[in-house]
């Protein structure tokens, strides 16, 4: 699916009671944004 306005999601951090910070989701990259799109079906694709 797509995010609102096509913005990539930032990472999410969890602060534990003992003060430890744990990354629970990494930041999305441009590759993630296009990972679900299938460009093979297009005859011509230009940017």
PDB file of N, CA and C in Angstrom:
ATOM      1  N   UNK A   1       0.819  -1.185   0.000  1.00  0.00           N
ATOM      2  CA  UNK A   1       0.000   0.000   0.000  1.00  0.00           C
ATOM      3  C   UNK A   1       0.862   1.248   0.000  1.00  0.00           C
ATOM      4  N   UNK A   2       0.206   2.355  -0.113  1.00  0.00           N
ATOM      5  CA  UNK A   2       0.896   3.635  -0.157  1.00  0.00           C
ATOM      6  C   UNK A   2       0.687   4.401   1.143  1.00  0.00           C
ATOM      7  N   UNK A   3       1.655   5.183   1.504  1.00  0.00           N
ATOM      8  CA  UNK A   3       1.551   6.053   2.666  1.00  0.00           C
ATOM      9  C   UNK A   3       0.926   7.372   2.241  1.00  0.00           C
ATOM     10  N   UNK A   4       0.375   8.090   3.186  1.00  0.00           N
ATOM     11  CA  UNK A   4      -0.223   9.392   2.925  1.00  0.00           C
ATOM     12  C   UNK A   4       0.798  10.319   2.271  1.00  0.00           C
ATOM     13  N   UNK A   5       0.430  10.913   1.158  1.00  0.00           N
ATOM     14  CA  UNK A   5       1.291  11.829   0.399  1.00  0.00           C
ATOM     15  C   UNK A   5       2.589  11.185  -0.072  1.00  0.00           C
ATOM     16  N   UNK A   6       2.655   9.870  -0.067  1.00  0.00           N
ATOM     17  CA  UNK A   6       3.844   9.183  -0.554  1.00  0.00           C
ATOM     18  C   UNK A   6       5.067   9.346   0.313  1.00  0.00           C
ATOM     19  N   UNK A   7       4.890   9.748   1.555  1.00  0.00           N
ATOM     20  CA  UNK A   7       6.040   9.943   2.440  1.00  0.00           C
ATOM     21  C   UNK A   7       6.514   8.610   2.997  1.00  0.00           C
ATOM     22  N   UNK A   8       7.812   8.451   3.039  1.00  0.00           N
ATOM     23  CA  UNK A   8       8.384   7.251   3.632  1.00  0.00           C
ATOM     24  C   UNK A   8       8.252   7.324   5.148  1.00  0.00           C
ATOM     25  N   UNK A   9       8.076   6.182   5.764  1.00  0.00           N
ATOM     26  CA  UNK A   9       7.934   6.139   7.221  1.00  0.00           C
ATOM     27  C   UNK A   9       9.298   6.227   7.893  1.00  0.00           C
ATOM     28  N   UNK A  10       9.332   6.936   8.994  1.00  0.00           N
ATOM     29  CA  UNK A  10      10.570   7.022   9.771  1.00  0.00           C
ATOM     30  C   UNK A  10      10.694   5.794  10.660  1.00  0.00           C
ATOM     31  N   UNK A  11      11.851   5.642  11.263  1.00  0.00           N
ATOM     32  CA  UNK A  11      12.034   4.511  12.172  1.00  0.00           C
ATOM     33  C   UNK A  11      11.213   4.753  13.438  1.00  0.00           C
ATOM     34  N   UNK A  12      10.923   3.669  14.139  1.00  0.00           N
ATOM     35  CA  UNK A  12      10.223   3.771  15.418  1.00  0.00           C
ATOM     36  C   UNK A  12      11.119   3.211  16.497  1.00  0.00           C
ATOM     37  N   UNK A  13      11.172   3.938  17.592  1.00  0.00           N
ATOM     38  CA  UNK A  13      12.010   3.537  18.718  1.00  0.00           C
ATOM     39  C   UNK A  13      11.133   3.265  19.929  1.00  0.00           C
ATOM     40  N   UNK A  14      11.546   2.302  20.719  1.00  0.00           N
ATOM     41  CA  UNK A  14      10.853   1.961  21.954  1.00  0.00           C
ATOM     42  C   UNK A  14      11.772   2.278  23.120  1.00  0.00           C
ATOM     43  N   UNK A  15      11.272   3.056  24.056  1.00  0.00           N
ATOM     44  CA  UNK A  15      12.030   3.370  25.262  1.00  0.00           C
ATOM     45  C   UNK A  15      11.553   2.434  26.364  1.00  0.00           C
ATOM     46  N   UNK A  16      12.434   1.574  26.803  1.00  0.00           N
ATOM     47  CA  UNK A  16      12.087   0.622  27.859  1.00  0.00           C
ATOM     48  C   UNK A  16      12.204   1.279  29.227  1.00  0.00           C
ATOM     49  N   UNK A  17      11.588   0.648  30.200  1.00  0.00           N
ATOM     50  CA  UNK A  17      11.584   1.200  31.561  1.00  0.00           C
ATOM     51  C   UNK A  17      12.986   1.374  32.128  1.00  0.00           C
ATOM     52  N   UNK A  18      13.923   0.519  31.691  1.00  0.00           N
ATOM     53  CA  UNK A  18      15.294   0.612  32.209  1.00  0.00           C
ATOM     54  C   UNK A  18      16.132   1.662  31.474  1.00  0.00           C
ATOM     55  N   UNK A  19      15.520   2.403  30.534  1.00  0.00           N
ATOM     56  CA  UNK A  19      16.218   3.449  29.802  1.00  0.00           C
ATOM     57  C   UNK A  19      16.801   2.994  28.479  1.00  0.00           C
ATOM     58  N   UNK A  20      16.745   1.706  28.200  1.00  0.00           N
ATOM     59  CA  UNK A  20      17.263   1.180  26.931  1.00  0.00           C
ATOM     60  C   UNK A  20      16.346   1.611  25.789  1.00  0.00           C
ATOM     61  N   UNK A  21      16.949   1.999  24.671  1.00  0.00           N
ATOM     62  CA  UNK A  21      16.199   2.375  23.478  1.00  0.00           C
ATOM     63  C   UNK A  21      16.385   1.273  22.444  1.00  0.00           C
ATOM     64  N   UNK A  22      15.258   0.773  21.923  1.00  0.00           N
ATOM     65  CA  UNK A  22      15.283  -0.322  20.962  1.00  0.00           C
ATOM     66  C   UNK A  22      14.568   0.127  19.689  1.00  0.00           C
ATOM     67  N   UNK A  23      15.209  -0.082  18.542  1.00  0.00           N
ATOM     68  CA  UNK A  23      14.554   0.222  17.268  1.00  0.00           C
ATOM     69  C   UNK A  23      13.586  -0.915  16.957  1.00  0.00           C
ATOM     70  N   UNK A  24      12.293  -0.587  16.823  1.00  0.00           N
ATOM     71  CA  UNK A  24      11.300  -1.622  16.546  1.00  0.00           C
ATOM     72  C   UNK A  24      10.850  -1.604  15.089  1.00  0.00           C
ATOM     73  N   UNK A  25      11.204  -0.555  14.350  1.00  0.00           N
ATOM     74  CA  UNK A  25      10.974  -0.535  12.902  1.00  0.00           C
ATOM     75  C   UNK A  25      12.009   0.377  12.284  1.00  0.00           C
ATOM     76  N   UNK A  26      12.700  -0.123  11.263  1.00  0.00           N
ATOM     77  CA  UNK A  26      13.715   0.693  10.596  1.00  0.00           C
ATOM     78  C   UNK A  26      13.032   1.726   9.705  1.00  0.00           C
ATOM     79  N   UNK A  27      13.760   2.764   9.373  1.00  0.00           N
ATOM     80  CA  UNK A  27      13.245   3.784   8.464  1.00  0.00           C
ATOM     81  C   UNK A  27      13.126   3.190   7.066  1.00  0.00           C
ATOM     82  N   UNK A  28      12.059   3.552   6.368  1.00  0.00           N
ATOM     83  CA  UNK A  28      11.894   3.071   5.005  1.00  0.00           C
ATOM     84  C   UNK A  28      12.852   3.797   4.072  1.00  0.00           C
ATOM     85  N   UNK A  29      13.258   3.093   3.025  1.00  0.00           N
ATOM     86  CA  UNK A  29      14.155   3.648   2.017  1.00  0.00           C
ATOM     87  C   UNK A  29      13.394   3.785   0.699  1.00  0.00           C
ATOM     88  N   UNK A  30      13.980   4.486  -0.243  1.00  0.00           N
ATOM     89  CA  UNK A  30      13.355   4.664  -1.553  1.00  0.00           C
ATOM     90  C   UNK A  30      13.071   3.308  -2.187  1.00  0.00           C
ATOM     91  N   UNK A  31      13.950   2.354  -2.001  1.00  0.00           N
ATOM     92  CA  UNK A  31      13.749   1.015  -2.556  1.00  0.00           C
ATOM     93  C   UNK A  31      12.472   0.386  -2.008  1.00  0.00           C
ATOM     94  N   UNK A  32      12.166   0.641  -0.748  1.00  0.00           N
ATOM     95  CA  UNK A  32      10.940   0.118  -0.142  1.00  0.00           C
ATOM     96  C   UNK A  32       9.705   0.729  -0.797  1.00  0.00           C
ATOM     97  N   UNK A  33       9.785   1.998  -1.136  1.00  0.00           N
ATOM     98  CA  UNK A  33       8.658   2.711  -1.738  1.00  0.00           C
ATOM     99  C   UNK A  33       8.263   2.080  -3.075  1.00  0.00           C
ATOM    100  N   UNK A  34       9.253   1.681  -3.859  1.00  0.00           N
ATOM    101  CA  UNK A  34       8.981   1.127  -5.183  1.00  0.00           C
ATOM    102  C   UNK A  34       8.925  -0.399  -5.204  1.00  0.00           C
ATOM    103  N   UNK A  35       9.141  -1.049  -4.088  1.00  0.00           N
ATOM    104  CA  UNK A  35       9.231  -2.513  -4.041  1.00  0.00           C
ATOM    105  C   UNK A  35       7.954  -3.208  -4.499  1.00  0.00           C
ATOM    106  N   UNK A  36       6.794  -2.614  -4.293  1.00  0.00           N
ATOM    107  CA  UNK A  36       5.534  -3.278  -4.636  1.00  0.00           C
ATOM    108  C   UNK A  36       5.012  -2.891  -6.015  1.00  0.00           C
ATOM    109  N   UNK A  37       5.719  -2.044  -6.730  1.00  0.00           N
ATOM    110  CA  UNK A  37       5.278  -1.625  -8.059  1.00  0.00           C
ATOM    111  C   UNK A  37       5.899  -2.514  -9.126  1.00  0.00           C
ATOM    112  N   UNK A  38       5.119  -2.828 -10.145  1.00  0.00           N
ATOM    113  CA  UNK A  38       5.572  -3.711 -11.216  1.00  0.00           C
ATOM    114  C   UNK A  38       5.734  -2.898 -12.493  1.00  0.00           C
ATOM    115  N   UNK A  39       6.968  -2.514 -12.801  1.00  0.00           N
ATOM    116  CA  UNK A  39       7.236  -1.721 -13.997  1.00  0.00           C
ATOM    117  C   UNK A  39       7.400  -2.585 -15.247  1.00  0.00           C
ATOM    118  N   UNK A  40       7.477  -3.892 -15.088  1.00  0.00           N
ATOM    119  CA  UNK A  40       7.665  -4.779 -16.234  1.00  0.00           C
ATOM    120  C   UNK A  40       6.471  -4.746 -17.189  1.00  0.00           C
ATOM    121  N   UNK A  41       5.301  -4.386 -16.703  1.00  0.00           N
ATOM    122  CA  UNK A  41       4.102  -4.359 -17.536  1.00  0.00           C
ATOM    123  C   UNK A  41       4.005  -3.094 -18.388  1.00  0.00           C
ATOM    124  N   UNK A  42       4.858  -2.125 -18.136  1.00  0.00           N
ATOM    125  CA  UNK A  42       4.830  -0.877 -18.893  1.00  0.00           C
ATOM    126  C   UNK A  42       5.671  -1.004 -20.156  1.00  0.00           C
ATOM    127  N   UNK A  43       5.140  -0.491 -21.260  1.00  0.00           N
ATOM    128  CA  UNK A  43       5.910  -0.522 -22.501  1.00  0.00           C
ATOM    129  C   UNK A  43       7.029   0.510 -22.458  1.00  0.00           C
ATOM    130  N   UNK A  44       6.711   1.697 -21.988  1.00  0.00           N
ATOM    131  CA  UNK A  44       7.702   2.763 -21.868  1.00  0.00           C
ATOM    132  C   UNK A  44       7.513   3.437 -20.533  1.00  0.00           C
ATOM    133  N   UNK A  45       8.597   3.646 -19.839  1.00  0.00           N
ATOM    134  CA  UNK A  45       8.531   4.368 -18.566  1.00  0.00           C
ATOM    135  C   UNK A  45       9.616   5.418 -18.565  1.00  0.00           C
ATOM    136  N   UNK A  46       9.206   6.672 -18.432  1.00  0.00           N
ATOM    137  CA  UNK A  46      10.165   7.769 -18.409  1.00  0.00           C
ATOM    138  C   UNK A  46       9.898   8.630 -17.192  1.00  0.00           C
ATOM    139  N   UNK A  47      10.966   9.150 -16.626  1.00  0.00           N
ATOM    140  CA  UNK A  47      10.839  10.049 -15.480  1.00  0.00           C
ATOM    141  C   UNK A  47      11.122  11.449 -15.934  1.00  0.00           C
TER     142      UNK A  47
END
